[in-house]
Amino acid sequence: MKKGKLTTKEKYIIQGMNNCNKTIEDIAKELDRSEEIVKNYIDKELNSIVNHIIQAKINQLEQENTNLKQEVTELQTPKPKKVTLNVTDVMGHESVGGRKGVSIMTQAASEQVDASKERNRANNSLSVRDKGKYIQNIK
């Protein structure tokens, strides 16, 4: 009968045979080891491995639970709707008397026009009027 520490190969054999529901006696006979050594390895090492795997699974499930709670919170939180206004939406189209046909530029409309001009300058794009100056028709 062998004595001393179990080799890595023997440990893997014990794990495999234990997974196949072999008895401690059968494993010990196969490896020519004492039943006590095999039983101690199964009790200490394999149980710690199983506990480690169980703890890892618990941690994974807790993380998934936290992620699901965050998703539920995000879904329950109302999101503000983005409102986009055109320049014509912020211009006054009626006079005090209620007559139509009058257009008054409000401060908001003026700011939108200025911002649009700045964006066009930043993009170096030409306005529709300026494009005609640079386009040549070739016959």
Protein backbone atom coordinates (compact mmCIF):
# COMPACT_ATOMS: atom_id res chain seq x y z
CA MET A 1 0.00 0.00 0.00
CA LYS A 2 1.33 3.45 -0.97
CA LYS A 3 2.06 6.05 1.69
CA GLY A 4 2.59 9.80 1.65
CA LYS A 5 0.79 12.62 -0.13
CA LEU A 6 -1.61 11.99 -2.94
CA THR A 7 -0.29 12.90 -6.37
CA THR A 8 -2.20 15.24 -8.64
CA LYS A 9 -3.07 12.29 -10.85
CA GLU A 10 -4.47 10.36 -7.88
CA LYS A 11 -6.51 13.37 -6.80
CA TYR A 12 -8.10 13.61 -10.24
CA ILE A 13 -8.81 9.89 -10.20
CA ILE A 14 -10.49 10.24 -6.80
CA GLN A 15 -12.59 13.13 -8.07
CA GLY A 16 -13.66 11.20 -11.16
CA MET A 17 -14.47 8.01 -9.31
CA ASN A 18 -16.31 9.96 -6.61
CA ASN A 19 -18.39 11.65 -9.32
CA CYS A 20 -19.22 8.17 -10.67
CA ASN A 21 -20.55 7.29 -7.20
CA LYS A 22 -17.81 4.76 -6.45
CA THR A 23 -17.40 3.86 -2.78
CA ILE A 24 -14.38 4.93 -0.77
CA GLU A 25 -13.37 1.27 -0.53
CA ASP A 26 -13.38 0.86 -4.33
CA ILE A 27 -11.38 4.06 -4.83
CA ALA A 28 -8.83 3.03 -2.19
CA LYS A 29 -8.39 -0.43 -3.77
CA GLU A 30 -7.97 1.07 -7.25
CA LEU A 31 -5.26 3.48 -6.09
CA ASP A 32 -3.65 1.09 -3.59
CA ARG A 33 -4.17 3.68 -0.85
CA SER A 34 -5.72 3.44 2.59
CA GLU A 35 -9.41 4.22 2.92
CA GLU A 36 -8.55 6.86 5.52
CA ILE A 37 -6.41 8.89 3.07
CA VAL A 38 -9.12 8.72 0.39
CA LYS A 39 -11.86 9.65 2.85
CA ASN A 40 -9.85 12.60 4.22
CA TYR A 41 -9.23 13.91 0.70
CA ILE A 42 -12.90 13.62 -0.21
CA ASP A 43 -14.01 15.26 3.05
CA LYS A 44 -11.52 18.13 3.02
CA GLU A 45 -10.56 18.89 -0.56
CA LEU A 46 -13.63 17.97 -2.55
CA ASN A 47 -16.04 19.45 -0.05
CA SER A 48 -14.08 22.71 -0.10
CA ILE A 49 -14.20 22.67 -3.91
CA VAL A 50 -17.95 22.08 -3.82
CA ASN A 51 -18.39 24.86 -1.26
CA HIS A 52 -16.31 27.19 -3.45
CA ILE A 53 -18.46 26.39 -6.49
CA ILE A 54 -21.64 26.91 -4.47
CA GLN A 55 -20.36 30.26 -3.17
CA ALA A 56 -19.43 31.36 -6.70
CA LYS A 57 -22.93 30.46 -7.91
CA ILE A 58 -24.49 32.37 -5.00
CA ASN A 59 -22.39 35.43 -5.86
CA GLN A 60 -23.42 35.16 -9.51
CA LEU A 61 -27.10 34.94 -8.59
CA GLU A 62 -26.80 37.90 -6.22
CA GLN A 63 -25.18 39.96 -8.99
CA GLU A 64 -27.95 38.99 -11.42
CA ASN A 65 -30.53 39.92 -8.77
CA THR A 66 -28.88 43.33 -8.33
CA ASN A 67 -28.83 43.86 -12.10
CA LEU A 68 -32.52 42.94 -12.37
CA LYS A 69 -33.40 45.34 -9.56
CA GLN A 70 -31.56 48.13 -11.40
CA GLU A 71 -33.39 47.32 -14.64
CA VAL A 72 -36.76 47.36 -12.84
CA THR A 73 -35.90 50.70 -11.24
CA GLU A 74 -34.88 52.13 -14.63
CA LEU A 75 -38.10 50.89 -16.22
CA GLN A 76 -40.23 52.33 -13.43
CA THR A 77 -38.51 55.73 -13.53
CA PRO A 78 -40.29 57.96 -16.03
CA LYS A 79 -37.93 59.40 -18.59
CA PRO A 80 -38.38 63.04 -19.61
CA LYS A 81 -39.56 63.40 -23.16
CA LYS A 82 -37.25 65.30 -25.46
CA VAL A 83 -39.04 68.21 -27.03
CA THR A 84 -37.63 69.69 -30.20
CA LEU A 85 -38.97 72.96 -31.43
CA ASN A 86 -38.58 74.45 -34.85
CA VAL A 87 -38.12 78.16 -35.25
CA THR A 88 -41.68 78.46 -36.50
CA ASP A 89 -42.93 76.82 -33.27
CA VAL A 90 -41.47 79.60 -31.14
CA MET A 91 -42.52 82.52 -33.30
CA GLY A 92 -45.70 84.43 -32.60
CA HIS A 93 -48.24 84.18 -35.42
CA GLU A 94 -51.13 86.12 -33.99
CA SER A 95 -51.47 89.71 -32.95
CA VAL A 96 -52.96 90.81 -29.65
CA GLY A 97 -56.29 91.23 -31.38
CA GLY A 98 -56.18 87.66 -32.58
CA ARG A 99 -55.47 88.48 -36.19
CA LYS A 100 -53.36 86.07 -38.14
CA GLY A 101 -50.83 87.03 -40.74
CA VAL A 102 -48.45 88.72 -38.36
CA SER A 103 -45.20 87.00 -37.42
CA ILE A 104 -43.07 88.14 -34.54
CA MET A 105 -39.70 86.61 -33.76
CA THR A 106 -39.38 85.74 -30.09
CA GLN A 107 -36.10 85.56 -28.19
CA ALA A 108 -36.19 81.75 -28.30
CA ALA A 109 -36.61 81.78 -32.10
CA SER A 110 -33.75 84.23 -32.45
CA GLU A 111 -31.49 82.05 -30.30
CA GLN A 112 -32.32 79.00 -32.41
CA VAL A 113 -31.50 80.83 -35.62
CA ASP A 114 -28.18 82.01 -34.15
CA ALA A 115 -27.32 78.48 -33.01
CA SER A 116 -28.14 77.13 -36.47
CA LYS A 117 -25.84 79.69 -38.07
CA GLU A 118 -23.03 78.72 -35.70
CA ARG A 119 -23.47 75.05 -36.53
CA ASN A 120 -23.35 75.83 -40.25
CA ARG A 121 -20.17 77.89 -39.82
CA ALA A 122 -18.59 75.11 -37.78
CA ASN A 123 -19.41 72.57 -40.50
CA ASN A 124 -18.17 74.93 -43.23
CA SER A 125 -21.31 74.25 -45.15
CA LEU A 126 -22.70 76.77 -47.57
CA SER A 127 -26.22 78.08 -47.36
CA VAL A 128 -28.59 77.41 -50.22
CA ARG A 129 -28.11 80.96 -51.53
CA ASP A 130 -24.32 80.68 -51.48
CA LYS A 131 -24.25 77.32 -53.25
CA GLY A 132 -25.54 78.91 -56.45
CA LYS A 133 -22.53 81.22 -56.61
CA TYR A 134 -20.07 78.33 -56.74
CA ILE A 135 -21.90 75.82 -58.93
CA GLN A 136 -21.06 75.95 -62.59
CA ASN A 137 -23.01 74.27 -65.31
CA ILE A 138 -20.78 72.62 -67.89
CA LYS A 139 -22.26 72.25 -71.33
